[in-house]
Amino acid sequence: MQLIGDIALAKVTIDAGICGFTTTVIATSDDGQHISLDIESTCPHVARAAQELSSVDAYTDLFSKLHETSLYQILSQHVIHCACPVYVGIMKAIEVAAGMALPKDATIHVEK
């Protein structure tokens, strides 16, 4: 997490894999609960969802079942691939901006 004045900032870059799409999330918060999201994506589905995902309540989304979160409800209307790592990438950005996790890369290594 990076601080700019009193504002916590997390930046997450998500390489979605074989589709080749990249999503960048900048999550900011001045109170550790209300998170502002700036999402840019080369994926047209995520880009459409991003228009509706400008802010979330970290306490509500991080302590709910995935299908009950505002993040999931909005993304699932646009992103048709349920294994898309964008879901968890945005959630990690929210978690870091809220001060509930330290910034650390997460990795999914796929082999055949």
N, C-alpha and C. Protein backbone atom coordinates (compact mmCIF):
# COMPACT_ATOMS: atom_id res chain seq x y z
N MET A 1 0.85 -1.17 0.00
CA MET A 1 0.00 0.00 0.00
C MET A 1 0.89 1.23 0.00
N GLN A 2 0.50 2.19 -0.75
CA GLN A 2 1.22 3.44 -0.83
C GLN A 2 0.30 4.52 -0.28
N LEU A 3 0.86 5.48 0.43
CA LEU A 3 0.08 6.59 0.95
C LEU A 3 0.43 7.86 0.19
N ILE A 4 -0.61 8.58 -0.21
CA ILE A 4 -0.45 9.89 -0.81
C ILE A 4 -1.23 10.83 0.09
N GLY A 5 -0.53 11.56 0.94
CA GLY A 5 -1.21 12.33 1.97
C GLY A 5 -1.88 11.36 2.93
N ASP A 6 -3.17 11.50 3.12
CA ASP A 6 -3.94 10.60 3.97
C ASP A 6 -4.70 9.54 3.16
N ILE A 7 -4.39 9.43 1.88
CA ILE A 7 -5.12 8.51 1.01
C ILE A 7 -4.29 7.27 0.74
N ALA A 8 -4.87 6.10 1.05
CA ALA A 8 -4.21 4.82 0.77
C ALA A 8 -4.44 4.47 -0.70
N LEU A 9 -3.41 3.94 -1.34
CA LEU A 9 -3.50 3.62 -2.76
C LEU A 9 -2.94 2.22 -3.00
N ALA A 10 -3.65 1.46 -3.82
CA ALA A 10 -3.16 0.16 -4.27
C ALA A 10 -3.33 0.10 -5.78
N LYS A 11 -2.29 -0.37 -6.46
CA LYS A 11 -2.36 -0.55 -7.91
C LYS A 11 -2.12 -2.02 -8.20
N VAL A 12 -3.04 -2.61 -8.95
CA VAL A 12 -2.95 -4.03 -9.31
C VAL A 12 -3.05 -4.13 -10.83
N THR A 13 -2.12 -4.86 -11.42
CA THR A 13 -2.16 -5.14 -12.85
C THR A 13 -2.45 -6.62 -13.02
N ILE A 14 -3.49 -6.93 -13.78
CA ILE A 14 -3.94 -8.30 -13.95
C ILE A 14 -3.74 -8.73 -15.40
N ASP A 15 -2.88 -9.72 -15.60
CA ASP A 15 -2.69 -10.34 -16.91
C ASP A 15 -3.60 -11.56 -16.89
N ALA A 16 -4.68 -11.50 -17.64
CA ALA A 16 -5.73 -12.52 -17.53
C ALA A 16 -5.36 -13.87 -18.14
N GLY A 17 -4.25 -13.96 -18.83
CA GLY A 17 -3.82 -15.26 -19.35
C GLY A 17 -3.95 -15.36 -20.86
N ILE A 18 -4.45 -16.49 -21.31
CA ILE A 18 -4.47 -16.83 -22.73
C ILE A 18 -5.30 -15.86 -23.58
N CYS A 19 -6.27 -15.19 -22.97
CA CYS A 19 -7.07 -14.22 -23.73
C CYS A 19 -6.24 -13.01 -24.15
N GLY A 20 -5.15 -12.75 -23.41
CA GLY A 20 -4.27 -11.64 -23.74
C GLY A 20 -4.71 -10.29 -23.20
N PHE A 21 -5.80 -10.25 -22.47
CA PHE A 21 -6.29 -8.98 -21.95
C PHE A 21 -5.59 -8.61 -20.64
N THR A 22 -5.41 -7.31 -20.46
CA THR A 22 -4.78 -6.77 -19.26
C THR A 22 -5.73 -5.77 -18.61
N THR A 23 -5.81 -5.84 -17.30
CA THR A 23 -6.63 -4.90 -16.54
C THR A 23 -5.77 -4.26 -15.47
N THR A 24 -5.90 -2.94 -15.34
CA THR A 24 -5.20 -2.21 -14.29
C THR A 24 -6.24 -1.61 -13.36
N VAL A 25 -6.03 -1.82 -12.07
CA VAL A 25 -6.95 -1.32 -11.04
C VAL A 25 -6.18 -0.41 -10.11
N ILE A 26 -6.69 0.79 -9.91
CA ILE A 26 -6.15 1.68 -8.89
C ILE A 26 -7.27 1.88 -7.88
N ALA A 27 -6.99 1.42 -6.66
CA ALA A 27 -7.96 1.53 -5.57
C ALA A 27 -7.43 2.53 -4.56
N THR A 28 -8.27 3.47 -4.16
CA THR A 28 -7.88 4.48 -3.18
C THR A 28 -8.92 4.57 -2.08
N SER A 29 -8.46 4.98 -0.90
CA SER A 29 -9.36 5.15 0.23
C SER A 29 -8.78 6.16 1.19
N ASP A 30 -9.63 7.02 1.71
CA ASP A 30 -9.16 7.96 2.74
C ASP A 30 -9.65 7.57 4.13
N ASP A 31 -10.44 6.48 4.21
CA ASP A 31 -10.94 6.06 5.52
C ASP A 31 -10.80 4.56 5.78
N GLY A 32 -10.22 3.81 4.83
CA GLY A 32 -10.03 2.38 5.01
C GLY A 32 -11.28 1.54 4.80
N GLN A 33 -12.38 2.16 4.48
CA GLN A 33 -13.62 1.41 4.25
C GLN A 33 -14.21 1.69 2.88
N HIS A 34 -14.33 2.94 2.53
CA HIS A 34 -14.93 3.31 1.25
C HIS A 34 -13.82 3.40 0.21
N ILE A 35 -13.89 2.53 -0.78
CA ILE A 35 -12.82 2.39 -1.76
C ILE A 35 -13.28 2.93 -3.11
N SER A 36 -12.50 3.84 -3.67
CA SER A 36 -12.75 4.33 -5.02
C SER A 36 -11.93 3.48 -5.98
N LEU A 37 -12.55 3.09 -7.08
CA LEU A 37 -11.88 2.23 -8.06
C LEU A 37 -11.75 2.94 -9.40
N ASP A 38 -10.56 2.87 -9.96
CA ASP A 38 -10.31 3.34 -11.32
C ASP A 38 -9.81 2.11 -12.07
N ILE A 39 -10.64 1.59 -12.97
CA ILE A 39 -10.34 0.34 -13.66
C ILE A 39 -10.22 0.61 -15.16
N GLU A 40 -9.08 0.19 -15.73
CA GLU A 40 -8.88 0.27 -17.18
C GLU A 40 -8.55 -1.12 -17.66
N SER A 41 -9.19 -1.53 -18.77
CA SER A 41 -8.99 -2.88 -19.27
C SER A 41 -9.04 -2.94 -20.78
N THR A 42 -8.22 -3.83 -21.33
CA THR A 42 -8.29 -4.09 -22.77
C THR A 42 -9.39 -5.09 -23.08
N CYS A 43 -9.97 -5.70 -22.03
CA CYS A 43 -11.09 -6.63 -22.22
C CYS A 43 -12.39 -5.82 -22.33
N PRO A 44 -13.14 -5.99 -23.41
CA PRO A 44 -14.37 -5.21 -23.55
C PRO A 44 -15.41 -5.52 -22.47
N HIS A 45 -15.43 -6.74 -21.97
CA HIS A 45 -16.39 -7.11 -20.92
C HIS A 45 -16.05 -6.42 -19.60
N VAL A 46 -14.78 -6.45 -19.22
CA VAL A 46 -14.34 -5.79 -17.99
C VAL A 46 -14.50 -4.28 -18.13
N ALA A 47 -14.20 -3.75 -19.30
CA ALA A 47 -14.33 -2.31 -19.52
C ALA A 47 -15.78 -1.85 -19.32
N ARG A 48 -16.73 -2.65 -19.77
CA ARG A 48 -18.16 -2.32 -19.54
C ARG A 48 -18.50 -2.37 -18.06
N ALA A 49 -18.03 -3.40 -17.38
CA ALA A 49 -18.29 -3.52 -15.94
C ALA A 49 -17.65 -2.37 -15.17
N ALA A 50 -16.49 -1.93 -15.61
CA ALA A 50 -15.77 -0.85 -14.92
C ALA A 50 -16.58 0.44 -14.87
N GLN A 51 -17.44 0.64 -15.85
CA GLN A 51 -18.28 1.84 -15.87
C GLN A 51 -19.23 1.86 -14.67
N GLU A 52 -19.55 0.69 -14.12
CA GLU A 52 -20.45 0.59 -12.98
C GLU A 52 -19.70 0.39 -11.66
N LEU A 53 -18.40 0.17 -11.72
CA LEU A 53 -17.60 -0.13 -10.52
C LEU A 53 -16.72 1.05 -10.14
N SER A 54 -17.31 2.11 -9.68
CA SER A 54 -16.51 3.28 -9.30
C SER A 54 -16.16 3.28 -7.82
N SER A 55 -16.95 2.58 -7.01
CA SER A 55 -16.64 2.52 -5.58
C SER A 55 -17.31 1.31 -4.94
N VAL A 56 -16.73 0.87 -3.83
CA VAL A 56 -17.29 -0.24 -3.06
C VAL A 56 -17.05 0.02 -1.58
N ASP A 57 -17.82 -0.65 -0.75
CA ASP A 57 -17.62 -0.64 0.68
C ASP A 57 -16.77 -1.87 1.00
N ALA A 58 -15.53 -1.66 1.41
CA ALA A 58 -14.61 -2.77 1.65
C ALA A 58 -15.12 -3.72 2.72
N TYR A 59 -15.71 -3.19 3.78
CA TYR A 59 -16.19 -4.04 4.87
C TYR A 59 -17.29 -4.97 4.37
N THR A 60 -18.19 -4.44 3.55
CA THR A 60 -19.28 -5.26 3.01
C THR A 60 -18.76 -6.30 2.04
N ASP A 61 -17.90 -5.89 1.09
CA ASP A 61 -17.46 -6.83 0.06
C ASP A 61 -16.43 -7.84 0.57
N LEU A 62 -15.55 -7.44 1.47
CA LEU A 62 -14.51 -8.37 1.92
C LEU A 62 -15.01 -9.37 2.97
N PHE A 63 -16.13 -9.08 3.60
CA PHE A 63 -16.64 -9.98 4.63
C PHE A 63 -17.99 -10.59 4.25
N SER A 64 -18.21 -10.76 2.96
CA SER A 64 -19.42 -11.40 2.45
C SER A 64 -19.03 -12.60 1.60
N LYS A 65 -19.98 -13.46 1.34
CA LYS A 65 -19.74 -14.53 0.38
C LYS A 65 -19.58 -13.89 -0.98
N LEU A 66 -18.73 -14.48 -1.81
CA LEU A 66 -18.40 -13.88 -3.10
C LEU A 66 -19.64 -13.48 -3.90
N HIS A 67 -20.62 -14.37 -4.02
CA HIS A 67 -21.78 -14.08 -4.85
C HIS A 67 -22.68 -12.97 -4.27
N GLU A 68 -22.43 -12.58 -3.02
CA GLU A 68 -23.21 -11.51 -2.39
C GLU A 68 -22.54 -10.14 -2.52
N THR A 69 -21.31 -10.09 -3.02
CA THR A 69 -20.59 -8.82 -3.09
C THR A 69 -21.05 -7.98 -4.27
N SER A 70 -20.96 -6.67 -4.10
CA SER A 70 -21.31 -5.78 -5.21
C SER A 70 -20.36 -5.98 -6.38
N LEU A 71 -19.09 -6.26 -6.06
CA LEU A 71 -18.10 -6.53 -7.11
C LEU A 71 -18.54 -7.69 -7.99
N TYR A 72 -18.87 -8.81 -7.37
CA TYR A 72 -19.29 -9.99 -8.12
C TYR A 72 -20.59 -9.73 -8.89
N GLN A 73 -21.54 -9.10 -8.25
CA GLN A 73 -22.82 -8.86 -8.90
C GLN A 73 -22.68 -8.02 -10.17
N ILE A 74 -21.81 -7.03 -10.12
CA ILE A 74 -21.60 -6.19 -11.31
C ILE A 74 -20.74 -6.91 -12.35
N LEU A 75 -19.61 -7.48 -11.93
CA LEU A 75 -18.73 -8.16 -12.89
C LEU A 75 -19.44 -9.31 -13.60
N SER A 76 -20.22 -10.09 -12.85
CA SER A 76 -20.86 -11.27 -13.44
C SER A 76 -21.91 -10.92 -14.49
N GLN A 77 -22.38 -9.69 -14.50
CA GLN A 77 -23.31 -9.26 -15.55
C GLN A 77 -22.59 -9.04 -16.88
N HIS A 78 -21.29 -8.83 -16.83
CA HIS A 78 -20.53 -8.49 -18.03
C HIS A 78 -19.46 -9.51 -18.40
N VAL A 79 -18.79 -10.07 -17.40
CA VAL A 79 -17.68 -11.00 -17.64
C VAL A 79 -18.25 -12.41 -17.63
N ILE A 80 -18.23 -13.05 -18.79
CA ILE A 80 -18.91 -14.34 -18.94
C ILE A 80 -18.04 -15.54 -18.58
N HIS A 81 -16.78 -15.31 -18.30
CA HIS A 81 -15.85 -16.39 -18.01
C HIS A 81 -15.61 -16.46 -16.50
N CYS A 82 -16.15 -17.44 -15.83
CA CYS A 82 -16.11 -17.49 -14.36
C CYS A 82 -14.71 -17.71 -13.80
N ALA A 83 -13.77 -18.18 -14.60
CA ALA A 83 -12.40 -18.37 -14.13
C ALA A 83 -11.53 -17.13 -14.37
N CYS A 84 -12.11 -16.06 -14.79
CA CYS A 84 -11.37 -14.82 -15.06
C CYS A 84 -10.71 -14.32 -13.77
N PRO A 85 -9.40 -14.08 -13.78
CA PRO A 85 -8.70 -13.63 -12.57
C PRO A 85 -8.97 -12.17 -12.21
N VAL A 86 -9.73 -11.47 -13.03
CA VAL A 86 -10.03 -10.07 -12.72
C VAL A 86 -10.83 -9.95 -11.42
N TYR A 87 -11.72 -10.91 -11.17
CA TYR A 87 -12.50 -10.88 -9.92
C TYR A 87 -11.58 -10.76 -8.71
N VAL A 88 -10.66 -11.70 -8.59
CA VAL A 88 -9.78 -11.73 -7.42
C VAL A 88 -8.78 -10.58 -7.45
N GLY A 89 -8.35 -10.16 -8.62
CA GLY A 89 -7.41 -9.05 -8.72
C GLY A 89 -8.00 -7.76 -8.18
N ILE A 90 -9.25 -7.48 -8.54
CA ILE A 90 -9.91 -6.28 -8.02
C ILE A 90 -10.12 -6.40 -6.52
N MET A 91 -10.51 -7.59 -6.07
CA MET A 91 -10.72 -7.81 -4.64
C MET A 91 -9.42 -7.60 -3.87
N LYS A 92 -8.28 -8.04 -4.42
CA LYS A 92 -6.99 -7.82 -3.75
C LYS A 92 -6.67 -6.32 -3.69
N ALA A 93 -6.99 -5.56 -4.73
CA ALA A 93 -6.76 -4.12 -4.71
C ALA A 93 -7.59 -3.46 -3.60
N ILE A 94 -8.84 -3.88 -3.48
CA ILE A 94 -9.72 -3.36 -2.43
C ILE A 94 -9.13 -3.67 -1.05
N GLU A 95 -8.69 -4.90 -0.88
CA GLU A 95 -8.13 -5.36 0.40
C GLU A 95 -6.91 -4.53 0.81
N VAL A 96 -6.02 -4.28 -0.13
CA VAL A 96 -4.81 -3.51 0.16
C VAL A 96 -5.15 -2.04 0.43
N ALA A 97 -6.01 -1.44 -0.38
CA ALA A 97 -6.38 -0.04 -0.18
C ALA A 97 -7.10 0.17 1.15
N ALA A 98 -7.80 -0.87 1.63
CA ALA A 98 -8.50 -0.79 2.91
C ALA A 98 -7.56 -1.03 4.09
N GLY A 99 -6.32 -1.40 3.81
CA GLY A 99 -5.36 -1.67 4.87
C GLY A 99 -5.56 -3.03 5.52
N MET A 100 -6.25 -3.94 4.84
CA MET A 100 -6.54 -5.26 5.39
C MET A 100 -5.57 -6.33 4.88
N ALA A 101 -4.64 -5.93 4.02
CA ALA A 101 -3.61 -6.84 3.53
C ALA A 101 -2.43 -6.01 3.06
N LEU A 102 -1.26 -6.60 3.15
CA LEU A 102 -0.08 -5.96 2.61
C LEU A 102 0.02 -6.26 1.13
N PRO A 103 0.60 -5.37 0.34
CA PRO A 103 0.74 -5.63 -1.10
C PRO A 103 1.75 -6.74 -1.35
N LYS A 104 1.31 -7.78 -1.99
CA LYS A 104 2.17 -8.92 -2.33
C LYS A 104 1.55 -9.59 -3.56
N ASP A 105 2.40 -9.94 -4.53
CA ASP A 105 1.91 -10.61 -5.72
C ASP A 105 1.30 -11.97 -5.37
N ALA A 106 0.25 -12.31 -6.09
CA ALA A 106 -0.33 -13.65 -6.01
C ALA A 106 -0.13 -14.27 -7.40
N THR A 107 0.09 -15.56 -7.45
CA THR A 107 0.41 -16.20 -8.72
C THR A 107 -0.43 -17.44 -8.93
N ILE A 108 -0.88 -17.63 -10.16
CA ILE A 108 -1.51 -18.88 -10.58
C ILE A 108 -0.62 -19.42 -11.69
N HIS A 109 -0.01 -20.54 -11.45
CA HIS A 109 0.88 -21.15 -12.45
C HIS A 109 0.15 -22.33 -13.07
N VAL A 110 -0.04 -22.30 -14.37
CA VAL A 110 -0.81 -23.34 -15.07
C VAL A 110 0.12 -24.17 -15.96
N GLU A 111 0.04 -25.49 -15.82
CA GLU A 111 0.81 -26.40 -16.67
C GLU A 111 -0.12 -27.45 -17.24
N LYS A 112 0.30 -28.03 -18.35
CA LYS A 112 -0.43 -29.14 -18.92
C LYS A 112 0.53 -30.27 -19.13
